[in-house]
Structures are given as C-alpha cells and as structure tokens.
Amino acid sequence: MDFFCIFVICATALYGAWRIWLDPYRGTVSTFEQTEKLDTVLTGMQAAEDLKYIVDRLRERHPACISGLPAAIQKEYEQEYAELSESTEVTVLSLWQSASRVLACLDDAHTTVRAYYEDTKILPSFTVSYKYFIRPDATKSDLPLLPDLQVPAHDAMEETLRLIHKK
C-alpha cells in the first residue's frame, strides 16, 4: 500500500511538472476565434501592441528564442513596431504584413501569420509537375494529368474552383 501511495504521488508530481514547465502546448488556444476582416482599421498603437503580443509569444515559445530573441528578429521588430506606433490608422492586412516580415527573419517556414474564418475550405493536395513543356499546338490529350485528381494541367484552375465552391 505504501508503494502505491508513493507511486501515485510521484506520478502526480511528474505530470504536474510536465504540464507547468515542459508541455509545448501549454497556454495555447483551445478554440479559434474568427479573424478580423483584412480591411478592418486599427489605431497605430493597437496594431503595435498586437505585434508586441506576437513577438512576446515568440520569445516565450519558439525554440529559436531559447537564448533570447535573435538579433535579426529584434531589429526587424523594433523597426516595424516604431512604424506601426507612429501611424494613425493601420489595416489588419498591414499589421499582418508587418508581423510576417518579423516572423520571416526566423527562416523556418512554419511560423507564420494565418487567417481563420469559419467557412474555410481545405483543398485536396495535388501538385503540378513543372517538368512538362506544352507546345502551342498541343491538344488536350497531349497534356499531362495531375496525379491525385487525374485532371489535365490546363483544367487545374477550373477543378480547384469547382472544389472550393462544392457544398
């Protein structure tokens, strides 16, 4: 019985330590809120504070910032923050562009600013191979097929639009 109690106490302590200090998803959102429209206007200080929030989360959570914010990111952040805070009006799109310039300094390709809309549609993945050269006199049967959807390359845009508008 003593062993079981000690085991439960140790397991609880380890789990608590994991949740408090080690869980990489601690403090992240559990539900997403719909993104503001891109033409929504903010004050310069609101936009600057939003950028500060993004950079604070970056400092707190990103592995590249374990030893502090890298110099390139700090420089870009200070420049963007100054520009935003001096503006009278800033659109959400402009704020996203500023944040993207800061995050691009990470060179990691997955830390980005993304929109979330409730009616977002996800397309199936397909690729177009660029190794094909299409002659001006080519017929429809001469064109390559997209591998996953079996759609001729010249019909890819129409197929994409069809999939987007499919209910």
C-alpha atoms as a PDB file:
ATOM      1  CA  MET A   1       0.000   0.000   0.000  1.00  0.00           C
ATOM      2  CA  ASP A   2       2.850   2.391   0.826  1.00  0.00           C
ATOM      3  CA  PHE A   3       4.406   1.707  -2.571  1.00  0.00           C
ATOM      4  CA  PHE A   4       1.141   2.532  -4.330  1.00  0.00           C
ATOM      5  CA  CYS A   5       0.767   5.860  -2.465  1.00  0.00           C
ATOM      6  CA  ILE A   6       4.359   6.859  -3.240  1.00  0.00           C
ATOM      7  CA  PHE A   7       3.844   5.859  -6.871  1.00  0.00           C
ATOM      8  CA  VAL A   8       0.665   7.986  -7.152  1.00  0.00           C
ATOM      9  CA  ILE A   9       2.354  10.996  -5.516  1.00  0.00           C
ATOM     10  CA  CYS A  10       5.404  10.744  -7.798  1.00  0.00           C
ATOM     11  CA  ALA A  11       3.268  10.254 -10.902  1.00  0.00           C
ATOM     12  CA  THR A  12       1.131  13.264  -9.973  1.00  0.00           C
ATOM     13  CA  ALA A  13       4.225  15.403  -9.339  1.00  0.00           C
ATOM     14  CA  LEU A  14       5.777  14.385 -12.662  1.00  0.00           C
ATOM     15  CA  TYR A  15       2.560  15.043 -14.560  1.00  0.00           C
ATOM     16  CA  GLY A  16       2.206  18.438 -12.856  1.00  0.00           C
ATOM     17  CA  ALA A  17       5.797  19.358 -13.727  1.00  0.00           C
ATOM     18  CA  TRP A  18       5.156  18.321 -17.331  1.00  0.00           C
ATOM     19  CA  ARG A  19       2.013  20.453 -17.586  1.00  0.00           C
ATOM     20  CA  ILE A  20       3.554  23.502 -15.898  1.00  0.00           C
ATOM     21  CA  TRP A  21       7.065  23.618 -17.369  1.00  0.00           C
ATOM     22  CA  LEU A  22       7.540  21.157 -20.234  1.00  0.00           C
ATOM     23  CA  ASP A  23       4.302  20.830 -22.214  1.00  0.00           C
ATOM     24  CA  PRO A  24       4.966  22.661 -25.509  1.00  0.00           C
ATOM     25  CA  TYR A  25       1.233  23.358 -25.914  1.00  0.00           C
ATOM     26  CA  ARG A  26       0.755  24.998 -22.504  1.00  0.00           C
ATOM     27  CA  GLY A  27      -1.056  28.285 -22.775  1.00  0.00           C
ATOM     28  CA  THR A  28      -2.135  27.776 -26.379  1.00  0.00           C
ATOM     29  CA  VAL A  29      -5.674  28.367 -27.548  1.00  0.00           C
ATOM     30  CA  SER A  30      -8.223  25.605 -27.326  1.00  0.00           C
ATOM     31  CA  THR A  31     -10.695  27.249 -29.720  1.00  0.00           C
ATOM     32  CA  PHE A  32     -10.018  29.707 -32.503  1.00  0.00           C
ATOM     33  CA  GLU A  33     -11.811  32.993 -32.912  1.00  0.00           C
ATOM     34  CA  GLN A  34     -12.688  34.208 -36.376  1.00  0.00           C
ATOM     35  CA  THR A  35     -10.101  36.572 -37.846  1.00  0.00           C
ATOM     36  CA  GLU A  36     -10.926  40.243 -38.336  1.00  0.00           C
ATOM     37  CA  LYS A  37     -11.501  41.238 -41.949  1.00  0.00           C
ATOM     38  CA  LEU A  38      -8.343  42.405 -43.690  1.00  0.00           C
ATOM     39  CA  ASP A  39      -9.715  45.912 -44.286  1.00  0.00           C
ATOM     40  CA  THR A  40     -10.587  46.437 -40.589  1.00  0.00           C
ATOM     41  CA  VAL A  41      -8.892  49.622 -39.379  1.00  0.00           C
ATOM     42  CA  LEU A  42      -6.953  49.721 -36.100  1.00  0.00           C
ATOM     43  CA  THR A  43      -5.144  52.594 -34.417  1.00  0.00           C
ATOM     44  CA  GLY A  44      -1.386  52.540 -34.784  1.00  0.00           C
ATOM     45  CA  MET A  45      -0.951  51.764 -31.083  1.00  0.00           C
ATOM     46  CA  GLN A  46      -3.450  48.869 -31.245  1.00  0.00           C
ATOM     47  CA  ALA A  47      -1.502  47.392 -34.155  1.00  0.00           C
ATOM     48  CA  ALA A  48       1.833  47.931 -32.384  1.00  0.00           C
ATOM     49  CA  GLU A  49       0.502  46.199 -29.249  1.00  0.00           C
ATOM     50  CA  ASP A  50      -0.745  43.274 -31.367  1.00  0.00           C
ATOM     51  CA  LEU A  51       2.726  42.965 -32.908  1.00  0.00           C
ATOM     52  CA  LYS A  52       4.250  43.084 -29.415  1.00  0.00           C
ATOM     53  CA  TYR A  53       1.916  40.261 -28.350  1.00  0.00           C
ATOM     54  CA  ILE A  54       3.081  38.122 -31.287  1.00  0.00           C
ATOM     55  CA  VAL A  55       6.757  38.746 -30.520  1.00  0.00           C
ATOM     56  CA  ASP A  56       6.220  38.073 -26.795  1.00  0.00           C
ATOM     57  CA  ARG A  57       4.672  34.676 -27.646  1.00  0.00           C
ATOM     58  CA  LEU A  58       7.593  34.043 -29.997  1.00  0.00           C
ATOM     59  CA  ARG A  59      10.098  34.794 -27.210  1.00  0.00           C
ATOM     60  CA  GLU A  60       8.174  32.583 -24.825  1.00  0.00           C
ATOM     61  CA  ARG A  61       7.593  29.556 -27.058  1.00  0.00           C
ATOM     62  CA  HIS A  62       9.803  29.324 -30.144  1.00  0.00           C
ATOM     63  CA  PRO A  63      12.915  27.096 -29.933  1.00  0.00           C
ATOM     64  CA  ALA A  64      14.973  29.680 -31.857  1.00  0.00           C
ATOM     65  CA  CYS A  65      14.398  32.120 -28.985  1.00  0.00           C
ATOM     66  CA  ILE A  66      15.599  29.916 -26.119  1.00  0.00           C
ATOM     67  CA  SER A  67      18.610  32.194 -25.597  1.00  0.00           C
ATOM     68  CA  GLY A  68      16.619  35.339 -26.321  1.00  0.00           C
ATOM     69  CA  LEU A  69      15.248  36.939 -29.438  1.00  0.00           C
ATOM     70  CA  PRO A  70      17.748  36.619 -32.325  1.00  0.00           C
ATOM     71  CA  ALA A  71      19.289  39.951 -33.372  1.00  0.00           C
ATOM     72  CA  ALA A  72      17.741  39.944 -36.863  1.00  0.00           C
ATOM     73  CA  ILE A  73      14.253  39.448 -35.427  1.00  0.00           C
ATOM     74  CA  GLN A  74      14.798  42.101 -32.732  1.00  0.00           C
ATOM     75  CA  LYS A  75      15.954  44.627 -35.340  1.00  0.00           C
ATOM     76  CA  GLU A  76      13.004  43.946 -37.657  1.00  0.00           C
ATOM     77  CA  TYR A  77      10.557  44.001 -34.731  1.00  0.00           C
ATOM     78  CA  GLU A  78      11.821  47.368 -33.474  1.00  0.00           C
ATOM     79  CA  GLN A  79      11.555  48.839 -36.963  1.00  0.00           C
ATOM     80  CA  GLU A  80       8.019  47.502 -37.553  1.00  0.00           C
ATOM     81  CA  TYR A  81       6.863  48.459 -34.040  1.00  0.00           C
ATOM     82  CA  ALA A  82       8.108  52.033 -34.493  1.00  0.00           C
ATOM     83  CA  GLU A  83       6.423  52.325 -37.881  1.00  0.00           C
ATOM     84  CA  LEU A  84       3.094  50.960 -36.611  1.00  0.00           C
ATOM     85  CA  SER A  85       3.040  53.055 -33.428  1.00  0.00           C
ATOM     86  CA  GLU A  86       3.683  56.247 -35.408  1.00  0.00           C
ATOM     87  CA  SER A  87       0.779  55.545 -37.793  1.00  0.00           C
ATOM     88  CA  THR A  88      -2.670  56.957 -37.121  1.00  0.00           C
ATOM     89  CA  GLU A  89      -4.528  54.112 -38.833  1.00  0.00           C
ATOM     90  CA  VAL A  90      -3.412  50.609 -39.765  1.00  0.00           C
ATOM     91  CA  THR A  91      -5.428  47.926 -41.537  1.00  0.00           C
ATOM     92  CA  VAL A  92      -5.343  44.339 -40.334  1.00  0.00           C
ATOM     93  CA  LEU A  93      -3.678  43.446 -43.639  1.00  0.00           C
ATOM     94  CA  SER A  94      -0.858  45.938 -42.956  1.00  0.00           C
ATOM     95  CA  LEU A  95      -0.430  44.531 -39.456  1.00  0.00           C
ATOM     96  CA  TRP A  96      -0.214  41.004 -40.879  1.00  0.00           C
ATOM     97  CA  GLN A  97       2.379  42.167 -43.380  1.00  0.00           C
ATOM     98  CA  SER A  98       4.439  43.713 -40.576  1.00  0.00           C
ATOM     99  CA  ALA A  99       4.160  40.566 -38.469  1.00  0.00           C
ATOM    100  CA  SER A 100       5.091  38.419 -41.478  1.00  0.00           C
ATOM    101  CA  ARG A 101       8.239  40.471 -42.078  1.00  0.00           C
ATOM    102  CA  VAL A 102       9.257  39.921 -38.445  1.00  0.00           C
ATOM    103  CA  LEU A 103       8.472  36.197 -38.487  1.00  0.00           C
ATOM    104  CA  ALA A 104      10.233  35.722 -41.825  1.00  0.00           C
ATOM    105  CA  CYS A 105      13.514  36.521 -40.054  1.00  0.00           C
ATOM    106  CA  LEU A 106      13.235  33.099 -38.371  1.00  0.00           C
ATOM    107  CA  ASP A 107      13.804  31.378 -41.741  1.00  0.00           C
ATOM    108  CA  ASP A 108      11.857  28.348 -40.529  1.00  0.00           C
ATOM    109  CA  ALA A 109       8.922  28.347 -42.999  1.00  0.00           C
ATOM    110  CA  HIS A 110       6.284  27.243 -40.464  1.00  0.00           C
ATOM    111  CA  THR A 111       5.982  30.219 -38.102  1.00  0.00           C
ATOM    112  CA  THR A 112       3.511  32.413 -39.953  1.00  0.00           C
ATOM    113  CA  VAL A 113       0.520  34.683 -39.588  1.00  0.00           C
ATOM    114  CA  ARG A 114      -2.605  32.852 -40.727  1.00  0.00           C
ATOM    115  CA  ALA A 115      -6.234  33.757 -41.104  1.00  0.00           C
ATOM    116  CA  TYR A 116      -9.010  31.741 -39.541  1.00  0.00           C
ATOM    117  CA  TYR A 117     -12.500  32.003 -40.981  1.00  0.00           C
ATOM    118  CA  GLU A 118     -15.328  29.658 -40.027  1.00  0.00           C
ATOM    119  CA  ASP A 119     -16.171  28.933 -43.662  1.00  0.00           C
ATOM    120  CA  THR A 120     -12.610  27.970 -44.650  1.00  0.00           C
ATOM    121  CA  LYS A 121     -12.440  25.167 -47.198  1.00  0.00           C
ATOM    122  CA  ILE A 122      -9.444  22.841 -47.480  1.00  0.00           C
ATOM    123  CA  LEU A 123      -8.494  21.587 -50.926  1.00  0.00           C
ATOM    124  CA  PRO A 124      -7.150  18.110 -51.508  1.00  0.00           C
ATOM    125  CA  SER A 125      -3.437  18.110 -52.097  1.00  0.00           C
ATOM    126  CA  PHE A 126      -2.231  17.862 -55.641  1.00  0.00           C
ATOM    127  CA  THR A 127       0.875  19.010 -57.430  1.00  0.00           C
ATOM    128  CA  VAL A 128       1.594  20.141 -60.939  1.00  0.00           C
ATOM    129  CA  SER A 129       4.913  18.962 -62.282  1.00  0.00           C
ATOM    130  CA  TYR A 130       6.812  21.769 -63.980  1.00  0.00           C
ATOM    131  CA  LYS A 131       8.981  19.399 -65.980  1.00  0.00           C
ATOM    132  CA  TYR A 132       6.421  19.389 -68.781  1.00  0.00           C
ATOM    133  CA  PHE A 133       6.680  21.892 -71.607  1.00  0.00           C
ATOM    134  CA  ILE A 134       3.486  22.428 -73.513  1.00  0.00           C
ATOM    135  CA  ARG A 135       3.808  23.206 -77.201  1.00  0.00           C
ATOM    136  CA  PRO A 136       1.460  25.862 -78.607  1.00  0.00           C
ATOM    137  CA  ASP A 137      -0.025  23.265 -80.979  1.00  0.00           C
ATOM    138  CA  ALA A 138      -0.665  20.712 -78.202  1.00  0.00           C
ATOM    139  CA  THR A 139      -4.064  19.091 -77.995  1.00  0.00           C
ATOM    140  CA  LYS A 140      -5.946  18.272 -74.791  1.00  0.00           C
ATOM    141  CA  SER A 141      -4.750  14.651 -74.930  1.00  0.00           C
ATOM    142  CA  ASP A 142      -1.092  15.796 -75.102  1.00  0.00           C
ATOM    143  CA  LEU A 143      -1.246  17.493 -71.696  1.00  0.00           C
ATOM    144  CA  PRO A 144      -0.084  15.708 -68.525  1.00  0.00           C
ATOM    145  CA  LEU A 145      -2.534  14.604 -65.856  1.00  0.00           C
ATOM    146  CA  LEU A 146      -2.341  15.755 -62.263  1.00  0.00           C
ATOM    147  CA  PRO A 147      -1.565  12.580 -60.299  1.00  0.00           C
ATOM    148  CA  ASP A 148      -4.071  12.704 -57.414  1.00  0.00           C
ATOM    149  CA  LEU A 149      -7.094  14.109 -59.200  1.00  0.00           C
ATOM    150  CA  GLN A 150      -6.375  12.984 -62.739  1.00  0.00           C
ATOM    151  CA  VAL A 151      -7.123  16.470 -64.046  1.00  0.00           C
ATOM    152  CA  PRO A 152      -5.342  17.807 -67.132  1.00  0.00           C
ATOM    153  CA  ALA A 153      -2.934  20.578 -66.094  1.00  0.00           C
ATOM    154  CA  HIS A 154      -4.800  23.203 -68.110  1.00  0.00           C
ATOM    155  CA  ASP A 155      -8.033  22.335 -66.218  1.00  0.00           C
ATOM    156  CA  ALA A 156      -6.417  22.617 -62.763  1.00  0.00           C
ATOM    157  CA  MET A 157      -7.788  26.108 -62.064  1.00  0.00           C
ATOM    158  CA  GLU A 158     -11.329  25.163 -63.050  1.00  0.00           C
ATOM    159  CA  GLU A 159     -11.121  21.992 -60.950  1.00  0.00           C
ATOM    160  CA  THR A 160      -9.791  23.979 -57.990  1.00  0.00           C
ATOM    161  CA  LEU A 161     -12.666  26.471 -58.250  1.00  0.00           C
ATOM    162  CA  ARG A 162     -15.149  23.629 -58.553  1.00  0.00           C
ATOM    163  CA  LEU A 163     -13.786  22.047 -55.369  1.00  0.00           C
ATOM    164  CA  ILE A 164     -13.861  25.366 -53.492  1.00  0.00           C
ATOM    165  CA  HIS A 165     -17.487  26.034 -54.341  1.00  0.00           C
ATOM    166  CA  LYS A 166     -18.618  22.471 -53.728  1.00  0.00           C
ATOM    167  CA  LYS A 167     -21.031  22.384 -50.783  1.00  0.00           C
END
